[in-house]
Structure formats: C-alpha cells, structure tokens
C-alpha cells in the first residue's frame, strides 16, 4: 500500500493535476524535489494519463450516455475492436453483471446516438441497456479529499 506522504501527493494531483508542484509542496508540507521525484515514479506505475474533464454540452455534444452491452461470444472480439476505434467512445469497461461491456459515449445529438445503437444491434446482435446522462454531478472525485478517509482505510 501507499504511505501517507504518497497519498497526500496523489490526492493533490487528483484534485488538480495542473497545479504547480511548488504549490502542492507548500500545501502539504512535502519538499518540492520529493514531489517531483514521486510524480515521475507514479507516471511509470500508477498514473495512467493526465487529462481534462470536459463539459461536453458546452462544445456541442448534447447526447451523453452509458450503455450496458451483452454480446454473443462470437461477436465479442469484433465488437470490442469496433468500439475501441469509435469516435464517440469516452470510456469502455469489461464488467461482470450479466453484461459484457459498459461504455460511456458522447454524441452531437440523439439521432447520432440512435444510429450508433442501431448499428450495434444489427451488426453485433447486442442486447443493450441505455442510461442517458442529464448532467454530471461529480466526476473523478475519489481520493481528492483525504480528510474524508481514515488513514487505516487507505494504508
């Protein structure tokens, strides 16, 4: 598991990865050089990528949904490859709830979303459950506030 120092650094990065490491150092009381070294180590081990959370509606993508997909075994690999290359995919997960995949997709409008769903049904014979996102309430929040955890929960 991670030390308290490592958790503090990770929490600061999760909260805002664009803050300067000097500011992070000042806030959590760990030397800047240590934080810089730890971030480089994390980038090779636990940080998958640095990214921005976008308000899709503000840039013209008005349809945001999650899809649960159950697919016949013979179509699983080709469906996965198709989805991984699809321009509207935001996130894809293997799951174990009776469905095979959980997708998060973003589209310009409902008609583009419907076209995608029809294609999945006809080409890959998927069974699907669609959940439309009306508005995100919180995103990427886990481990941003260590004060909400007891240290023993994290170590």
C-alpha atoms as a PDB file:
ATOM      1  CA  UNK A   1       0.000   0.000   0.000  1.00  0.00           C
ATOM      2  CA  UNK A   2       0.926   3.646  -0.167  1.00  0.00           C
ATOM      3  CA  UNK A   3       2.401   5.786   2.579  1.00  0.00           C
ATOM      4  CA  UNK A   4       0.581   8.807   3.969  1.00  0.00           C
ATOM      5  CA  UNK A   5       3.005  11.054   2.047  1.00  0.00           C
ATOM      6  CA  UNK A   6       2.264   9.269  -1.230  1.00  0.00           C
ATOM      7  CA  UNK A   7      -1.475   9.503  -0.616  1.00  0.00           C
ATOM      8  CA  UNK A   8      -1.197  13.243   0.035  1.00  0.00           C
ATOM      9  CA  UNK A   9       0.622  13.747  -3.259  1.00  0.00           C
ATOM     10  CA  UNK A  10      -1.880  11.603  -5.166  1.00  0.00           C
ATOM     11  CA  UNK A  11      -4.823  13.442  -3.593  1.00  0.00           C
ATOM     12  CA  UNK A  12      -3.326  16.786  -4.618  1.00  0.00           C
ATOM     13  CA  UNK A  13      -2.807  15.556  -8.189  1.00  0.00           C
ATOM     14  CA  UNK A  14      -6.329  14.081  -8.345  1.00  0.00           C
ATOM     15  CA  UNK A  15      -7.790  17.375  -7.183  1.00  0.00           C
ATOM     16  CA  UNK A  16      -5.885  19.431  -9.752  1.00  0.00           C
ATOM     17  CA  UNK A  17      -3.030  17.953 -11.777  1.00  0.00           C
ATOM     18  CA  UNK A  18      -2.263  21.351 -13.323  1.00  0.00           C
ATOM     19  CA  UNK A  19      -1.215  22.991 -10.065  1.00  0.00           C
ATOM     20  CA  UNK A  20       2.459  23.686  -9.788  1.00  0.00           C
ATOM     21  CA  UNK A  21       4.389  21.196  -7.711  1.00  0.00           C
ATOM     22  CA  UNK A  22       5.705  24.109  -5.659  1.00  0.00           C
ATOM     23  CA  UNK A  23       2.118  24.999  -4.674  1.00  0.00           C
ATOM     24  CA  UNK A  24       1.399  21.365  -3.855  1.00  0.00           C
ATOM     25  CA  UNK A  25       4.584  21.261  -1.779  1.00  0.00           C
ATOM     26  CA  UNK A  26       3.551  24.358   0.160  1.00  0.00           C
ATOM     27  CA  UNK A  27       0.057  22.966   0.831  1.00  0.00           C
ATOM     28  CA  UNK A  28       1.021  19.525   2.042  1.00  0.00           C
ATOM     29  CA  UNK A  29       4.439  20.259   3.563  1.00  0.00           C
ATOM     30  CA  UNK A  30       6.486  17.864   1.469  1.00  0.00           C
ATOM     31  CA  UNK A  31       9.626  19.160  -0.287  1.00  0.00           C
ATOM     32  CA  UNK A  32       9.155  20.110  -3.943  1.00  0.00           C
ATOM     33  CA  UNK A  33      12.009  17.819  -5.006  1.00  0.00           C
ATOM     34  CA  UNK A  34      10.351  14.846  -3.313  1.00  0.00           C
ATOM     35  CA  UNK A  35       7.027  15.576  -5.002  1.00  0.00           C
ATOM     36  CA  UNK A  36       8.710  15.931  -8.384  1.00  0.00           C
ATOM     37  CA  UNK A  37      10.523  12.607  -7.914  1.00  0.00           C
ATOM     38  CA  UNK A  38       7.310  10.865  -6.768  1.00  0.00           C
ATOM     39  CA  UNK A  39       5.303  12.195  -9.718  1.00  0.00           C
ATOM     40  CA  UNK A  40       7.910  10.819 -12.139  1.00  0.00           C
ATOM     41  CA  UNK A  41       7.732   7.450 -10.377  1.00  0.00           C
ATOM     42  CA  UNK A  42       3.910   7.500 -10.441  1.00  0.00           C
ATOM     43  CA  UNK A  43       3.869   8.235 -14.172  1.00  0.00           C
ATOM     44  CA  UNK A  44       5.612   4.943 -14.799  1.00  0.00           C
ATOM     45  CA  UNK A  45       3.499   2.943 -12.351  1.00  0.00           C
ATOM     46  CA  UNK A  46       0.124   4.283 -11.182  1.00  0.00           C
ATOM     47  CA  UNK A  47      -0.764   7.374 -13.212  1.00  0.00           C
ATOM     48  CA  UNK A  48      -2.357   6.182 -16.438  1.00  0.00           C
ATOM     49  CA  UNK A  49      -2.585   9.638 -18.020  1.00  0.00           C
ATOM     50  CA  UNK A  50      -3.140  13.289 -17.269  1.00  0.00           C
ATOM     51  CA  UNK A  51      -6.403  14.550 -18.718  1.00  0.00           C
ATOM     52  CA  UNK A  52      -9.051  17.266 -18.542  1.00  0.00           C
ATOM     53  CA  UNK A  53     -12.692  16.798 -17.670  1.00  0.00           C
ATOM     54  CA  UNK A  54     -14.724  18.473 -20.415  1.00  0.00           C
ATOM     55  CA  UNK A  55     -18.261  19.831 -20.279  1.00  0.00           C
ATOM     56  CA  UNK A  56     -19.365  18.112 -23.487  1.00  0.00           C
ATOM     57  CA  UNK A  57     -22.591  20.089 -23.855  1.00  0.00           C
ATOM     58  CA  UNK A  58     -20.690  23.377 -23.936  1.00  0.00           C
ATOM     59  CA  UNK A  59     -18.774  22.210 -27.005  1.00  0.00           C
ATOM     60  CA  UNK A  60     -21.798  20.906 -28.881  1.00  0.00           C
ATOM     61  CA  UNK A  61     -22.064  17.269 -27.787  1.00  0.00           C
ATOM     62  CA  UNK A  62     -25.607  17.186 -26.464  1.00  0.00           C
ATOM     63  CA  UNK A  63     -26.105  13.436 -26.023  1.00  0.00           C
ATOM     64  CA  UNK A  64     -24.143  11.675 -23.293  1.00  0.00           C
ATOM     65  CA  UNK A  65     -24.980   8.117 -22.264  1.00  0.00           C
ATOM     66  CA  UNK A  66     -23.803   4.930 -20.640  1.00  0.00           C
ATOM     67  CA  UNK A  67     -24.512   1.635 -22.378  1.00  0.00           C
ATOM     68  CA  UNK A  68     -24.563  -1.842 -20.921  1.00  0.00           C
ATOM     69  CA  UNK A  69     -23.896  -4.349 -23.708  1.00  0.00           C
ATOM     70  CA  UNK A  70     -24.400  -8.097 -23.763  1.00  0.00           C
ATOM     71  CA  UNK A  71     -22.984  -9.641 -26.910  1.00  0.00           C
ATOM     72  CA  UNK A  72     -22.865 -13.189 -28.257  1.00  0.00           C
ATOM     73  CA  UNK A  73     -19.440 -14.775 -27.748  1.00  0.00           C
ATOM     74  CA  UNK A  74     -18.760 -14.983 -31.498  1.00  0.00           C
ATOM     75  CA  UNK A  75     -19.120 -11.177 -31.835  1.00  0.00           C
ATOM     76  CA  UNK A  76     -17.300 -10.125 -28.653  1.00  0.00           C
ATOM     77  CA  UNK A  77     -13.836  -9.533 -30.128  1.00  0.00           C
ATOM     78  CA  UNK A  78     -15.060  -7.726 -33.246  1.00  0.00           C
ATOM     79  CA  UNK A  79     -17.441  -5.561 -31.188  1.00  0.00           C
ATOM     80  CA  UNK A  80     -14.662  -4.622 -28.775  1.00  0.00           C
ATOM     81  CA  UNK A  81     -12.372  -3.659 -31.665  1.00  0.00           C
ATOM     82  CA  UNK A  82     -15.143  -1.624 -33.302  1.00  0.00           C
ATOM     83  CA  UNK A  83     -15.942   0.232 -30.090  1.00  0.00           C
ATOM     84  CA  UNK A  84     -12.291   0.934 -29.270  1.00  0.00           C
ATOM     85  CA  UNK A  85     -11.923   2.718 -32.610  1.00  0.00           C
ATOM     86  CA  UNK A  86     -15.239   4.578 -32.477  1.00  0.00           C
ATOM     87  CA  UNK A  87     -15.000   8.372 -32.357  1.00  0.00           C
ATOM     88  CA  UNK A  88     -17.815   8.723 -29.814  1.00  0.00           C
ATOM     89  CA  UNK A  89     -16.331   6.440 -27.164  1.00  0.00           C
ATOM     90  CA  UNK A  90     -15.251   8.109 -23.944  1.00  0.00           C
ATOM     91  CA  UNK A  91     -14.711   5.069 -21.686  1.00  0.00           C
ATOM     92  CA  UNK A  92     -15.018   1.298 -22.034  1.00  0.00           C
ATOM     93  CA  UNK A  93     -15.048  -1.299 -19.269  1.00  0.00           C
ATOM     94  CA  UNK A  94     -15.266  -5.092 -19.068  1.00  0.00           C
ATOM     95  CA  UNK A  95     -17.945  -5.901 -16.490  1.00  0.00           C
ATOM     96  CA  UNK A  96     -19.482  -8.943 -14.839  1.00  0.00           C
ATOM     97  CA  UNK A  97     -23.154  -8.190 -14.222  1.00  0.00           C
ATOM     98  CA  UNK A  98     -24.612 -10.381 -16.934  1.00  0.00           C
ATOM     99  CA  UNK A  99     -23.487  -7.795 -19.446  1.00  0.00           C
ATOM    100  CA  UNK A 100     -20.103  -7.832 -21.131  1.00  0.00           C
ATOM    101  CA  UNK A 101     -19.218  -4.150 -21.538  1.00  0.00           C
ATOM    102  CA  UNK A 102     -20.023  -0.784 -20.038  1.00  0.00           C
ATOM    103  CA  UNK A 103     -19.499   2.099 -22.468  1.00  0.00           C
ATOM    104  CA  UNK A 104     -19.617   5.820 -21.915  1.00  0.00           C
ATOM    105  CA  UNK A 105     -20.352   7.599 -25.183  1.00  0.00           C
ATOM    106  CA  UNK A 106     -20.835  11.178 -26.259  1.00  0.00           C
ATOM    107  CA  UNK A 107     -22.698  12.251 -29.416  1.00  0.00           C
ATOM    108  CA  UNK A 108     -23.625  15.501 -31.136  1.00  0.00           C
ATOM    109  CA  UNK A 109     -27.299  14.662 -30.829  1.00  0.00           C
ATOM    110  CA  UNK A 110     -29.857  11.924 -30.193  1.00  0.00           C
ATOM    111  CA  UNK A 111     -30.043  10.933 -33.859  1.00  0.00           C
ATOM    112  CA  UNK A 112     -26.308  10.155 -33.941  1.00  0.00           C
ATOM    113  CA  UNK A 113     -26.718   8.145 -30.749  1.00  0.00           C
ATOM    114  CA  UNK A 114     -29.657   6.204 -32.222  1.00  0.00           C
ATOM    115  CA  UNK A 115     -27.698   5.479 -35.397  1.00  0.00           C
ATOM    116  CA  UNK A 116     -24.880   4.028 -33.283  1.00  0.00           C
ATOM    117  CA  UNK A 117     -27.299   1.880 -31.264  1.00  0.00           C
ATOM    118  CA  UNK A 118     -28.998   0.527 -34.368  1.00  0.00           C
ATOM    119  CA  UNK A 119     -25.623  -0.352 -35.861  1.00  0.00           C
ATOM    120  CA  UNK A 120     -24.590  -2.208 -32.696  1.00  0.00           C
ATOM    121  CA  UNK A 121     -27.845  -4.153 -32.687  1.00  0.00           C
ATOM    122  CA  UNK A 122     -27.790  -5.116 -36.341  1.00  0.00           C
ATOM    123  CA  UNK A 123     -24.078  -5.791 -36.824  1.00  0.00           C
ATOM    124  CA  UNK A 124     -23.178  -7.359 -33.478  1.00  0.00           C
ATOM    125  CA  UNK A 125     -26.561  -8.602 -32.199  1.00  0.00           C
ATOM    126  CA  UNK A 126     -26.091  -6.893 -28.852  1.00  0.00           C
ATOM    127  CA  UNK A 127     -28.591  -6.710 -26.073  1.00  0.00           C
ATOM    128  CA  UNK A 128     -28.286  -3.283 -24.532  1.00  0.00           C
ATOM    129  CA  UNK A 129     -29.448  -1.092 -21.710  1.00  0.00           C
ATOM    130  CA  UNK A 130     -29.065   2.681 -22.233  1.00  0.00           C
ATOM    131  CA  UNK A 131     -28.754   5.260 -19.494  1.00  0.00           C
ATOM    132  CA  UNK A 132     -28.841   8.902 -20.592  1.00  0.00           C
ATOM    133  CA  UNK A 133     -26.787  11.382 -18.588  1.00  0.00           C
ATOM    134  CA  UNK A 134     -28.813  14.515 -17.900  1.00  0.00           C
ATOM    135  CA  UNK A 135     -25.980  16.326 -16.167  1.00  0.00           C
ATOM    136  CA  UNK A 136     -22.878  15.134 -14.333  1.00  0.00           C
ATOM    137  CA  UNK A 137     -22.991  15.979 -10.647  1.00  0.00           C
ATOM    138  CA  UNK A 138     -19.438  14.989  -9.762  1.00  0.00           C
ATOM    139  CA  UNK A 139     -16.658  13.346 -11.767  1.00  0.00           C
ATOM    140  CA  UNK A 140     -13.245  11.929 -10.906  1.00  0.00           C
ATOM    141  CA  UNK A 141     -13.638  12.699  -7.208  1.00  0.00           C
ATOM    142  CA  UNK A 142     -12.240   9.612  -5.498  1.00  0.00           C
ATOM    143  CA  UNK A 143      -9.100  10.316  -3.419  1.00  0.00           C
ATOM    144  CA  UNK A 144      -9.307  14.068  -3.877  1.00  0.00           C
ATOM    145  CA  UNK A 145     -10.122  14.684  -0.203  1.00  0.00           C
ATOM    146  CA  UNK A 146      -8.083  12.563   2.160  1.00  0.00           C
ATOM    147  CA  UNK A 147      -9.786  14.131   5.181  1.00  0.00           C
ATOM    148  CA  UNK A 148     -12.890  12.082   4.292  1.00  0.00           C
ATOM    149  CA  UNK A 149     -10.923   8.861   4.901  1.00  0.00           C
ATOM    150  CA  UNK A 150      -9.459   7.336   7.977  1.00  0.00           C
ATOM    151  CA  UNK A 151      -5.816   6.702   7.219  1.00  0.00           C
ATOM    152  CA  UNK A 152      -6.228   2.984   8.038  1.00  0.00           C
ATOM    153  CA  UNK A 153      -8.786   2.748   5.200  1.00  0.00           C
ATOM    154  CA  UNK A 154      -6.100   3.746   2.710  1.00  0.00           C
ATOM    155  CA  UNK A 155      -2.973   2.052   4.012  1.00  0.00           C
END
